[in-house]
Protein backbone atom coordinates (compact mmCIF):
# COMPACT_ATOMS: atom_id res chain seq x y z
CA MET A 1 99.24 55.44 14.94
CA ALA A 2 95.47 55.28 14.37
CA SER A 3 93.14 57.21 16.56
CA ILE A 4 89.39 57.92 16.96
CA ILE A 5 88.09 61.41 17.31
CA ILE A 6 84.82 61.96 19.15
CA ASN A 7 82.95 65.23 19.48
CA ASP A 8 81.07 66.23 22.56
CA LYS A 9 78.10 68.16 21.23
CA GLU A 10 77.28 69.60 24.64
CA ASN A 11 80.56 71.47 25.14
CA GLY A 12 81.90 71.51 21.61
CA LYS A 13 85.13 69.75 22.61
CA GLU A 14 86.92 67.15 20.53
CA TYR A 15 88.51 64.12 22.16
CA LYS A 16 91.25 62.07 20.55
CA LEU A 17 91.23 58.47 21.64
CA GLU A 18 94.33 56.46 21.21
CA TYR A 19 96.50 53.90 23.01
CA ASN A 20 100.26 53.93 23.67
CA ARG A 21 102.41 51.81 25.96
CA ASN A 22 101.58 53.99 29.00
CA ALA A 23 97.78 53.57 28.34
CA LEU A 24 98.16 49.76 27.98
CA ILE A 25 100.16 49.62 31.23
CA ARG A 26 97.59 51.69 33.03
CA MET A 27 94.78 49.39 31.82
CA GLU A 28 96.58 46.28 33.08
CA GLU A 29 97.09 48.03 36.42
CA TRP A 30 93.33 48.55 36.63
CA GLY A 31 92.87 44.79 35.94
CA PHE A 32 91.98 44.72 32.25
CA ASN A 33 92.49 41.40 30.59
CA PRO A 34 91.36 41.17 26.98
CA LYS A 35 90.49 37.51 27.58
CA ASP A 36 87.74 38.67 30.03
CA GLY A 37 85.57 40.16 27.25
CA LYS A 38 83.04 37.33 27.31
CA ASN A 39 82.92 36.84 31.10
CA LYS A 40 83.18 40.50 32.08
CA PRO A 41 81.82 42.47 29.09
CA VAL A 42 80.84 45.56 31.04
CA ALA A 43 84.23 45.88 32.80
CA SER A 44 86.18 45.16 29.69
CA MET A 45 84.21 47.73 27.66
CA SER A 46 84.84 50.31 30.40
CA TYR A 47 88.57 49.60 30.48
CA LEU A 48 88.80 50.04 26.74
CA ILE A 49 86.99 53.34 26.97
CA TYR A 50 88.88 54.77 29.95
CA GLY A 51 92.21 53.50 28.62
CA ALA A 52 91.63 55.26 25.32
CA PHE A 53 91.48 58.59 27.09
CA VAL A 54 94.78 58.11 29.00
CA MET A 55 97.12 59.22 26.18
CA HIS A 56 95.62 62.59 25.47
CA HIS A 57 93.11 63.24 28.24
CA ALA A 58 94.52 61.69 31.39
CA ASP A 59 93.27 64.53 33.48
CA LEU A 60 89.58 63.56 32.87
CA SER A 61 87.87 61.60 35.73
CA ARG A 62 85.98 58.42 34.96
CA ASP A 63 82.78 60.18 35.81
CA LYS A 64 83.51 62.84 33.22
CA ILE A 65 84.35 60.22 30.68
CA ASP A 66 81.14 58.41 31.32
CA GLU A 67 79.27 61.71 30.82
CA ILE A 68 81.01 62.25 27.46
CA ILE A 69 80.43 58.68 26.25
CA SER A 70 76.73 58.88 27.20
CA ARG A 71 76.25 61.75 24.82
CA ILE A 72 77.83 60.18 21.75
CA GLY A 73 75.17 57.55 21.25
CA ASP A 74 76.34 54.37 19.59
CA THR A 75 78.83 52.99 22.04
CA THR A 76 78.81 49.50 20.40
CA SER A 77 80.55 50.86 17.31
CA LEU A 78 82.96 52.91 19.52
CA VAL A 79 83.94 49.87 21.55
CA ASN A 80 84.48 47.76 18.42
CA GLU A 81 86.72 50.43 17.02
CA LEU A 82 88.56 50.75 20.38
CA ALA A 83 89.09 46.96 20.42
CA THR A 84 90.79 47.12 17.08
CA LEU A 85 92.92 50.08 18.18
CA TYR A 86 93.88 48.28 21.29
CA ALA A 87 94.90 45.12 19.33
CA ASN A 88 96.97 47.21 16.99
CA ALA A 89 98.68 49.11 19.74
CA LEU A 90 99.48 45.79 21.56
CA ASN A 91 100.86 44.37 18.34
CA SER A 92 103.04 47.35 17.66
CA ILE A 93 104.69 46.94 21.06
CA PHE A 94 105.61 43.39 20.29
């Protein structure tokens, strides 16, 4: 399964972002719907980010995730990569 590794330069930690069935279920429970991307872009982007942390870093709060993401810079590229990972994870389930 593909993943994305991000490095937090402030604390030197590495975070592996990936989706599995549990992460996708959690995202749906939060209200994520991939069709909402155009009407609710900020919420959709947030769900993709938070959901990607579920598999390996479920103990992190959303506030902590927001801090980490704010330090990496180019979130547009990250969200595009996460959207691809999400689609691949979804397809692998079906």
